[in-house]
């Protein structure tokens, strides 16, 4: 009963709010497009 898509987006949101690096750096590290992050 865990929707993986929402869980992944929630985890990324939490990461970018807590991480000292800007969003594009995190996007590149995770393999996401910078606009998505």
ModelCIF file with pLDDT and N, C-alpha, C, O atoms, coordinates in Angstrom:
data_MODEL
#
_entry.id   MODEL 
#
_entity.id                         1 
_entity.type                       polymer 
_entity.pdbx_number_of_molecules   1 
#
_entity_poly.entity_id                      1 
_entity_poly.type                           'polypeptide(L)' 
_entity_poly.nstd_linkage                   no 
_entity_poly.nstd_monomer                   no 
_entity_poly.pdbx_seq_one_letter_code       
;(UNK)(UNK)(UNK)(UNK)(UNK)(UNK)(UNK)(UNK)(UNK)(UNK)(UNK)(UNK)(UNK)(UNK)(UNK)(UNK)
(UNK)(UNK)(UNK)(UNK)(UNK)(UNK)(UNK)(UNK)(UNK)(UNK)(UNK)(UNK)(UNK)(UNK)(UNK)(UNK)
(UNK)(UNK)(UNK)(UNK)(UNK)
;
_entity_poly.pdbx_seq_one_letter_code_can   XXXXXXXXXXXXXXXXXXXXXXXXXXXXXXXXXXXXX 
_entity_poly.pdbx_strand_id                 A 
#
loop_
_entity_poly_seq.entity_id 
_entity_poly_seq.num 
_entity_poly_seq.mon_id 
_entity_poly_seq.hetero 
1 1  UNK n 
1 2  UNK n 
1 3  UNK n 
1 4  UNK n 
1 5  UNK n 
1 6  UNK n 
1 7  UNK n 
1 8  UNK n 
1 9  UNK n 
1 10 UNK n 
1 11 UNK n 
1 12 UNK n 
1 13 UNK n 
1 14 UNK n 
1 15 UNK n 
1 16 UNK n 
1 17 UNK n 
1 18 UNK n 
1 19 UNK n 
1 20 UNK n 
1 21 UNK n 
1 22 UNK n 
1 23 UNK n 
1 24 UNK n 
1 25 UNK n 
1 26 UNK n 
1 27 UNK n 
1 28 UNK n 
1 29 UNK n 
1 30 UNK n 
1 31 UNK n 
1 32 UNK n 
1 33 UNK n 
1 34 UNK n 
1 35 UNK n 
1 36 UNK n 
1 37 UNK n 
#
_struct_asym.id          A 
_struct_asym.entity_id   1 
#
loop_
_ma_qa_metric.id 
_ma_qa_metric.mode 
_ma_qa_metric.name 
_ma_qa_metric.software_group_id 
_ma_qa_metric.type 
1 global pLDDT . pLDDT 
2 local  pLDDT . pLDDT 
#
_ma_qa_metric_global.metric_id      1 
_ma_qa_metric_global.metric_value   81.70 
_ma_qa_metric_global.model_id       1 
_ma_qa_metric_global.ordinal_id     1 
#
loop_
_ma_qa_metric_local.label_asym_id 
_ma_qa_metric_local.label_comp_id 
_ma_qa_metric_local.label_seq_id 
_ma_qa_metric_local.metric_id 
_ma_qa_metric_local.metric_value 
_ma_qa_metric_local.model_id 
_ma_qa_metric_local.ordinal_id 
A UNK 1  2 88.00 1 1  
A UNK 2  2 81.00 1 2  
A UNK 3  2 76.00 1 3  
A UNK 4  2 69.00 1 4  
A UNK 5  2 73.00 1 5  
A UNK 6  2 71.00 1 6  
A UNK 7  2 72.00 1 7  
A UNK 8  2 78.00 1 8  
A UNK 9  2 79.00 1 9  
A UNK 10 2 82.00 1 10 
A UNK 11 2 84.00 1 11 
A UNK 12 2 83.00 1 12 
A UNK 13 2 83.00 1 13 
A UNK 14 2 85.00 1 14 
A UNK 15 2 85.00 1 15 
A UNK 16 2 83.00 1 16 
A UNK 17 2 83.00 1 17 
A UNK 18 2 84.00 1 18 
A UNK 19 2 81.00 1 19 
A UNK 20 2 78.00 1 20 
A UNK 21 2 78.00 1 21 
A UNK 22 2 81.00 1 22 
A UNK 23 2 80.00 1 23 
A UNK 24 2 82.00 1 24 
A UNK 25 2 85.00 1 25 
A UNK 26 2 84.00 1 26 
A UNK 27 2 85.00 1 27 
A UNK 28 2 87.00 1 28 
A UNK 29 2 87.00 1 29 
A UNK 30 2 84.00 1 30 
A UNK 31 2 86.00 1 31 
A UNK 32 2 85.00 1 32 
A UNK 33 2 87.00 1 33 
A UNK 34 2 82.00 1 34 
A UNK 35 2 85.00 1 35 
A UNK 36 2 84.00 1 36 
A UNK 37 2 83.00 1 37 
#
loop_
_atom_site.group_PDB 
_atom_site.id 
_atom_site.type_symbol 
_atom_site.label_atom_id 
_atom_site.label_alt_id 
_atom_site.label_comp_id 
_atom_site.label_asym_id 
_atom_site.label_entity_id 
_atom_site.label_seq_id 
_atom_site.pdbx_PDB_ins_code 
_atom_site.Cartn_x 
_atom_site.Cartn_y 
_atom_site.Cartn_z 
_atom_site.occupancy 
_atom_site.B_iso_or_equiv 
_atom_site.pdbx_formal_charge 
_atom_site.auth_seq_id 
_atom_site.auth_comp_id 
_atom_site.auth_asym_id 
_atom_site.auth_atom_id 
_atom_site.pdbx_PDB_model_num 
ATOM 1   N N  . UNK A 1 1  ? 0.772  -1.234 0.000   1.00 88.00 ? 1  UNK A N  1 
ATOM 2   C CA . UNK A 1 1  ? 0.000  0.000  0.000   1.00 88.00 ? 1  UNK A CA 1 
ATOM 3   C C  . UNK A 1 1  ? 0.803  1.283  0.000   1.00 88.00 ? 1  UNK A C  1 
ATOM 4   O O  . UNK A 1 1  ? 0.269  2.340  0.336   1.00 88.00 ? 1  UNK A O  1 
ATOM 5   N N  . UNK A 1 2  ? 2.073  1.217  -0.368  1.00 81.00 ? 2  UNK A N  1 
ATOM 6   C CA . UNK A 1 2  ? 2.916  2.420  -0.415  1.00 81.00 ? 2  UNK A CA 1 
ATOM 7   C C  . UNK A 1 2  ? 3.064  2.844  -1.874  1.00 81.00 ? 2  UNK A C  1 
ATOM 8   O O  . UNK A 1 2  ? 3.627  2.097  -2.675  1.00 81.00 ? 2  UNK A O  1 
ATOM 9   N N  . UNK A 1 3  ? 2.564  4.042  -2.235  1.00 76.00 ? 3  UNK A N  1 
ATOM 10  C CA . UNK A 1 3  ? 2.736  4.503  -3.621  1.00 76.00 ? 3  UNK A CA 1 
ATOM 11  C C  . UNK A 1 3  ? 4.180  4.998  -3.835  1.00 76.00 ? 3  UNK A C  1 
ATOM 12  O O  . UNK A 1 3  ? 4.549  6.040  -3.293  1.00 76.00 ? 3  UNK A O  1 
ATOM 13  N N  . UNK A 1 4  ? 4.997  4.278  -4.607  1.00 69.00 ? 4  UNK A N  1 
ATOM 14  C CA . UNK A 1 4  ? 6.417  4.619  -4.745  1.00 69.00 ? 4  UNK A CA 1 
ATOM 15  C C  . UNK A 1 4  ? 6.680  6.001  -5.347  1.00 69.00 ? 4  UNK A C  1 
ATOM 16  O O  . UNK A 1 4  ? 7.646  6.659  -4.959  1.00 69.00 ? 4  UNK A O  1 
ATOM 17  N N  . UNK A 1 5  ? 5.851  6.453  -6.279  1.00 73.00 ? 5  UNK A N  1 
ATOM 18  C CA . UNK A 1 5  ? 6.098  7.750  -6.909  1.00 73.00 ? 5  UNK A CA 1 
ATOM 19  C C  . UNK A 1 5  ? 5.994  8.887  -5.901  1.00 73.00 ? 5  UNK A C  1 
ATOM 20  O O  . UNK A 1 5  ? 6.861  9.759  -5.855  1.00 73.00 ? 5  UNK A O  1 
ATOM 21  N N  . UNK A 1 6  ? 4.942  8.880  -5.098  1.00 71.00 ? 6  UNK A N  1 
ATOM 22  C CA . UNK A 1 6  ? 4.763  9.943  -4.104  1.00 71.00 ? 6  UNK A CA 1 
ATOM 23  C C  . UNK A 1 6  ? 5.840  9.880  -3.029  1.00 71.00 ? 6  UNK A C  1 
ATOM 24  O O  . UNK A 1 6  ? 6.308  10.910 -2.543  1.00 71.00 ? 6  UNK A O  1 
ATOM 25  N N  . UNK A 1 7  ? 6.225  8.671  -2.667  1.00 72.00 ? 7  UNK A N  1 
ATOM 26  C CA . UNK A 1 7  ? 7.277  8.515  -1.665  1.00 72.00 ? 7  UNK A CA 1 
ATOM 27  C C  . UNK A 1 7  ? 8.601  9.069  -2.144  1.00 72.00 ? 7  UNK A C  1 
ATOM 28  O O  . UNK A 1 7  ? 9.327  9.709  -1.383  1.00 72.00 ? 7  UNK A O  1 
ATOM 29  N N  . UNK A 1 8  ? 8.918  8.822  -3.412  1.00 78.00 ? 8  UNK A N  1 
ATOM 30  C CA . UNK A 1 8  ? 10.180 9.316  -3.975  1.00 78.00 ? 8  UNK A CA 1 
ATOM 31  C C  . UNK A 1 8  ? 10.169 10.837 -4.046  1.00 78.00 ? 8  UNK A C  1 
ATOM 32  O O  . UNK A 1 8  ? 11.157 11.481 -3.693  1.00 78.00 ? 8  UNK A O  1 
ATOM 33  N N  . UNK A 1 9  ? 9.066  11.413 -4.497  1.00 79.00 ? 9  UNK A N  1 
ATOM 34  C CA . UNK A 1 9  ? 8.978  12.876 -4.577  1.00 79.00 ? 9  UNK A CA 1 
ATOM 35  C C  . UNK A 1 9  ? 9.077  13.497 -3.189  1.00 79.00 ? 9  UNK A C  1 
ATOM 36  O O  . UNK A 1 9  ? 9.725  14.529 -3.012  1.00 79.00 ? 9  UNK A O  1 
ATOM 37  N N  . UNK A 1 10 ? 8.440  12.877 -2.213  1.00 82.00 ? 10 UNK A N  1 
ATOM 38  C CA . UNK A 1 10 ? 8.504  13.397 -0.841  1.00 82.00 ? 10 UNK A CA 1 
ATOM 39  C C  . UNK A 1 10 ? 9.919  13.343 -0.299  1.00 82.00 ? 10 UNK A C  1 
ATOM 40  O O  . UNK A 1 10 ? 10.367 14.271 0.375   1.00 82.00 ? 10 UNK A O  1 
ATOM 41  N N  . UNK A 1 11 ? 10.619 12.265 -0.590  1.00 84.00 ? 11 UNK A N  1 
ATOM 42  C CA . UNK A 1 11 ? 12.002 12.131 -0.120  1.00 84.00 ? 11 UNK A CA 1 
ATOM 43  C C  . UNK A 1 11 ? 12.903 13.190 -0.760  1.00 84.00 ? 11 UNK A C  1 
ATOM 44  O O  . UNK A 1 11 ? 13.769 13.754 -0.091  1.00 84.00 ? 11 UNK A O  1 
ATOM 45  N N  . UNK A 1 12 ? 12.703 13.457 -2.042  1.00 83.00 ? 12 UNK A N  1 
ATOM 46  C CA . UNK A 1 12 ? 13.511 14.475 -2.725  1.00 83.00 ? 12 UNK A CA 1 
ATOM 47  C C  . UNK A 1 12 ? 13.188 15.859 -2.176  1.00 83.00 ? 12 UNK A C  1 
ATOM 48  O O  . UNK A 1 12 ? 14.092 16.669 -1.972  1.00 83.00 ? 12 UNK A O  1 
ATOM 49  N N  . UNK A 1 13 ? 11.902 16.143 -1.935  1.00 83.00 ? 13 UNK A N  1 
ATOM 50  C CA . UNK A 1 13 ? 11.529 17.437 -1.342  1.00 83.00 ? 13 UNK A CA 1 
ATOM 51  C C  . UNK A 1 13 ? 12.227 17.644 -0.008  1.00 83.00 ? 13 UNK A C  1 
ATOM 52  O O  . UNK A 1 13 ? 12.777 18.714 0.253   1.00 83.00 ? 13 UNK A O  1 
ATOM 53  N N  . UNK A 1 14 ? 12.205 16.630 0.826   1.00 85.00 ? 14 UNK A N  1 
ATOM 54  C CA . UNK A 1 14 ? 12.837 16.737 2.137   1.00 85.00 ? 14 UNK A CA 1 
ATOM 55  C C  . UNK A 1 14 ? 14.343 16.935 1.994   1.00 85.00 ? 14 UNK A C  1 
ATOM 56  O O  . UNK A 1 14 ? 14.938 17.732 2.719   1.00 85.00 ? 14 UNK A O  1 
ATOM 57  N N  . UNK A 1 15 ? 14.958 16.212 1.064   1.00 85.00 ? 15 UNK A N  1 
ATOM 58  C CA . UNK A 1 15 ? 16.399 16.328 0.841   1.00 85.00 ? 15 UNK A CA 1 
ATOM 59  C C  . UNK A 1 15 ? 16.786 17.738 0.410   1.00 85.00 ? 15 UNK A C  1 
ATOM 60  O O  . UNK A 1 15 ? 17.728 18.316 0.953   1.00 85.00 ? 15 UNK A O  1 
ATOM 61  N N  . UNK A 1 16 ? 16.066 18.296 -0.564  1.00 83.00 ? 16 UNK A N  1 
ATOM 62  C CA . UNK A 1 16 ? 16.452 19.622 -1.062  1.00 83.00 ? 16 UNK A CA 1 
ATOM 63  C C  . UNK A 1 16 ? 16.189 20.724 -0.043  1.00 83.00 ? 16 UNK A C  1 
ATOM 64  O O  . UNK A 1 16 ? 16.837 21.770 -0.086  1.00 83.00 ? 16 UNK A O  1 
ATOM 65  N N  . UNK A 1 17 ? 15.246 20.503 0.875   1.00 83.00 ? 17 UNK A N  1 
ATOM 66  C CA . UNK A 1 17 ? 15.021 21.495 1.914   1.00 83.00 ? 17 UNK A CA 1 
ATOM 67  C C  . UNK A 1 17 ? 16.109 21.457 2.985   1.00 83.00 ? 17 UNK A C  1 
ATOM 68  O O  . UNK A 1 17 ? 16.414 22.480 3.598   1.00 83.00 ? 17 UNK A O  1 
ATOM 69  N N  . UNK A 1 18 ? 16.692 20.287 3.211   1.00 84.00 ? 18 UNK A N  1 
ATOM 70  C CA . UNK A 1 18 ? 17.688 20.131 4.265   1.00 84.00 ? 18 UNK A CA 1 
ATOM 71  C C  . UNK A 1 18 ? 19.123 20.246 3.776   1.00 84.00 ? 18 UNK A C  1 
ATOM 72  O O  . UNK A 1 18 ? 20.007 20.627 4.543   1.00 84.00 ? 18 UNK A O  1 
ATOM 73  N N  . UNK A 1 19 ? 19.366 19.927 2.525   1.00 81.00 ? 19 UNK A N  1 
ATOM 74  C CA . UNK A 1 19 ? 20.731 19.879 2.007   1.00 81.00 ? 19 UNK A CA 1 
ATOM 75  C C  . UNK A 1 19 ? 21.296 21.286 1.808   1.00 81.00 ? 19 UNK A C  1 
ATOM 76  O O  . UNK A 1 19 ? 20.564 22.198 1.424   1.00 81.00 ? 19 UNK A O  1 
ATOM 77  N N  . UNK A 1 20 ? 22.586 21.465 2.065   1.00 78.00 ? 20 UNK A N  1 
ATOM 78  C CA . UNK A 1 20 ? 23.196 22.774 1.844   1.00 78.00 ? 20 UNK A CA 1 
ATOM 79  C C  . UNK A 1 20 ? 23.459 23.067 0.365   1.00 78.00 ? 20 UNK A C  1 
ATOM 80  O O  . UNK A 1 20 ? 23.711 24.214 -0.004  1.00 78.00 ? 20 UNK A O  1 
ATOM 81  N N  . UNK A 1 21 ? 23.403 22.043 -0.476  1.00 78.00 ? 21 UNK A N  1 
ATOM 82  C CA . UNK A 1 21 ? 23.670 22.219 -1.905  1.00 78.00 ? 21 UNK A CA 1 
ATOM 83  C C  . UNK A 1 21 ? 22.428 22.729 -2.615  1.00 78.00 ? 21 UNK A C  1 
ATOM 84  O O  . UNK A 1 21 ? 21.312 22.405 -2.208  1.00 78.00 ? 21 UNK A O  1 
ATOM 85  N N  . UNK A 1 22 ? 22.596 23.528 -3.678  1.00 81.00 ? 22 UNK A N  1 
ATOM 86  C CA . UNK A 1 22 ? 21.442 23.997 -4.446  1.00 81.00 ? 22 UNK A CA 1 
ATOM 87  C C  . UNK A 1 22 ? 20.770 22.845 -5.216  1.00 81.00 ? 22 UNK A C  1 
ATOM 88  O O  . UNK A 1 22 ? 21.383 21.806 -5.462  1.00 81.00 ? 22 UNK A O  1 
ATOM 89  N N  . UNK A 1 23 ? 19.539 23.046 -5.578  1.00 80.00 ? 23 UNK A N  1 
ATOM 90  C CA . UNK A 1 23 ? 18.732 22.019 -6.230  1.00 80.00 ? 23 UNK A CA 1 
ATOM 91  C C  . UNK A 1 23 ? 19.388 21.398 -7.470  1.00 80.00 ? 23 UNK A C  1 
ATOM 92  O O  . UNK A 1 23 ? 19.335 20.176 -7.610  1.00 80.00 ? 23 UNK A O  1 
ATOM 93  N N  . UNK A 1 24 ? 20.008 22.175 -8.386  1.00 82.00 ? 24 UNK A N  1 
ATOM 94  C CA . UNK A 1 24 ? 20.614 21.537 -9.563  1.00 82.00 ? 24 UNK A CA 1 
ATOM 95  C C  . UNK A 1 24 ? 21.754 20.581 -9.218  1.00 82.00 ? 24 UNK A C  1 
ATOM 96  O O  . UNK A 1 24 ? 21.971 19.601 -9.931  1.00 82.00 ? 24 UNK A O  1 
ATOM 97  N N  . UNK A 1 25 ? 22.474 20.849 -8.149  1.00 85.00 ? 25 UNK A N  1 
ATOM 98  C CA . UNK A 1 25 ? 23.555 19.944 -7.733  1.00 85.00 ? 25 UNK A CA 1 
ATOM 99  C C  . UNK A 1 25 ? 22.959 18.624 -7.260  1.00 85.00 ? 25 UNK A C  1 
ATOM 100 O O  . UNK A 1 25 ? 23.469 17.554 -7.590  1.00 85.00 ? 25 UNK A O  1 
ATOM 101 N N  . UNK A 1 26 ? 21.889 18.702 -6.494  1.00 84.00 ? 26 UNK A N  1 
ATOM 102 C CA . UNK A 1 26 ? 21.212 17.494 -6.025  1.00 84.00 ? 26 UNK A CA 1 
ATOM 103 C C  . UNK A 1 26 ? 20.605 16.747 -7.200  1.00 84.00 ? 26 UNK A C  1 
ATOM 104 O O  . UNK A 1 26 ? 20.674 15.519 -7.259  1.00 84.00 ? 26 UNK A O  1 
ATOM 105 N N  . UNK A 1 27 ? 20.009 17.481 -8.140  1.00 85.00 ? 27 UNK A N  1 
ATOM 106 C CA . UNK A 1 27 ? 19.414 16.852 -9.326  1.00 85.00 ? 27 UNK A CA 1 
ATOM 107 C C  . UNK A 1 27 ? 20.452 16.067 -10.097 1.00 85.00 ? 27 UNK A C  1 
ATOM 108 O O  . UNK A 1 27 ? 20.203 14.928 -10.492 1.00 85.00 ? 27 UNK A O  1 
ATOM 109 N N  . UNK A 1 28 ? 21.599 16.655 -10.314 1.00 87.00 ? 28 UNK A N  1 
ATOM 110 C CA . UNK A 1 28 ? 22.650 15.972 -11.071 1.00 87.00 ? 28 UNK A CA 1 
ATOM 111 C C  . UNK A 1 28 ? 23.126 14.727 -10.330 1.00 87.00 ? 28 UNK A C  1 
ATOM 112 O O  . UNK A 1 28 ? 23.356 13.687 -10.946 1.00 87.00 ? 28 UNK A O  1 
ATOM 113 N N  . UNK A 1 29 ? 23.272 14.831 -9.028  1.00 87.00 ? 29 UNK A N  1 
ATOM 114 C CA . UNK A 1 29 ? 23.739 13.695 -8.233  1.00 87.00 ? 29 UNK A CA 1 
ATOM 115 C C  . UNK A 1 29 ? 22.746 12.528 -8.274  1.00 87.00 ? 29 UNK A C  1 
ATOM 116 O O  . UNK A 1 29 ? 23.144 11.364 -8.244  1.00 87.00 ? 29 UNK A O  1 
ATOM 117 N N  . UNK A 1 30 ? 21.452 12.853 -8.342  1.00 84.00 ? 30 UNK A N  1 
ATOM 118 C CA . UNK A 1 30 ? 20.421 11.815 -8.345  1.00 84.00 ? 30 UNK A CA 1 
ATOM 119 C C  . UNK A 1 30 ? 19.987 11.394 -9.744  1.00 84.00 ? 30 UNK A C  1 
ATOM 120 O O  . UNK A 1 30 ? 19.242 10.425 -9.894  1.00 84.00 ? 30 UNK A O  1 
ATOM 121 N N  . UNK A 1 31 ? 20.440 12.105 -10.760 1.00 86.00 ? 31 UNK A N  1 
ATOM 122 C CA . UNK A 1 31 ? 20.066 11.768 -12.126 1.00 86.00 ? 31 UNK A CA 1 
ATOM 123 C C  . UNK A 1 31 ? 18.732 12.345 -12.563 1.00 86.00 ? 31 UNK A C  1 
ATOM 124 O O  . UNK A 1 31 ? 18.097 11.819 -13.477 1.00 86.00 ? 31 UNK A O  1 
ATOM 125 N N  . UNK A 1 32 ? 18.301 13.419 -11.919 1.00 85.00 ? 32 UNK A N  1 
ATOM 126 C CA . UNK A 1 32 ? 17.055 14.086 -12.285 1.00 85.00 ? 32 UNK A CA 1 
ATOM 127 C C  . UNK A 1 32 ? 17.363 15.360 -13.057 1.00 85.00 ? 32 UNK A C  1 
ATOM 128 O O  . UNK A 1 32 ? 18.476 15.883 -12.997 1.00 85.00 ? 32 UNK A O  1 
ATOM 129 N N  . UNK A 1 33 ? 16.368 15.851 -13.779 1.00 87.00 ? 33 UNK A N  1 
ATOM 130 C CA . UNK A 1 33 ? 16.513 17.117 -14.482 1.00 87.00 ? 33 UNK A CA 1 
ATOM 131 C C  . UNK A 1 33 ? 16.443 18.235 -13.452 1.00 87.00 ? 33 UNK A C  1 
ATOM 132 O O  . UNK A 1 33 ? 15.662 18.152 -12.504 1.00 87.00 ? 33 UNK A O  1 
ATOM 133 N N  . UNK A 1 34 ? 17.246 19.275 -13.623 1.00 82.00 ? 34 UNK A N  1 
ATOM 134 C CA . UNK A 1 34 ? 17.288 20.350 -12.626 1.00 82.00 ? 34 UNK A CA 1 
ATOM 135 C C  . UNK A 1 34 ? 15.945 21.071 -12.491 1.00 82.00 ? 34 UNK A C  1 
ATOM 136 O O  . UNK A 1 34 ? 15.605 21.536 -11.403 1.00 82.00 ? 34 UNK A O  1 
ATOM 137 N N  . UNK A 1 35 ? 15.186 21.167 -13.572 1.00 85.00 ? 35 UNK A N  1 
ATOM 138 C CA . UNK A 1 35 ? 13.881 21.830 -13.486 1.00 85.00 ? 35 UNK A CA 1 
ATOM 139 C C  . UNK A 1 35 ? 12.899 21.021 -12.641 1.00 85.00 ? 35 UNK A C  1 
ATOM 140 O O  . UNK A 1 35 ? 12.060 21.594 -11.945 1.00 85.00 ? 35 UNK A O  1 
ATOM 141 N N  . UNK A 1 36 ? 13.000 19.711 -12.698 1.00 84.00 ? 36 UNK A N  1 
ATOM 142 C CA . UNK A 1 36 ? 12.134 18.859 -11.887 1.00 84.00 ? 36 UNK A CA 1 
ATOM 143 C C  . UNK A 1 36 ? 12.407 19.080 -10.413 1.00 84.00 ? 36 UNK A C  1 
ATOM 144 O O  . UNK A 1 36 ? 11.477 19.245 -9.624  1.00 84.00 ? 36 UNK A O  1 
ATOM 145 N N  . UNK A 1 37 ? 13.678 19.083 -10.035 1.00 83.00 ? 37 UNK A N  1 
ATOM 146 C CA . UNK A 1 37 ? 14.033 19.252 -8.627  1.00 83.00 ? 37 UNK A CA 1 
ATOM 147 C C  . UNK A 1 37 ? 13.729 20.675 -8.165  1.00 83.00 ? 37 UNK A C  1 
ATOM 148 O O  . UNK A 1 37 ? 13.962 21.010 -7.004  1.00 83.00 ? 37 UNK A O  1 
#
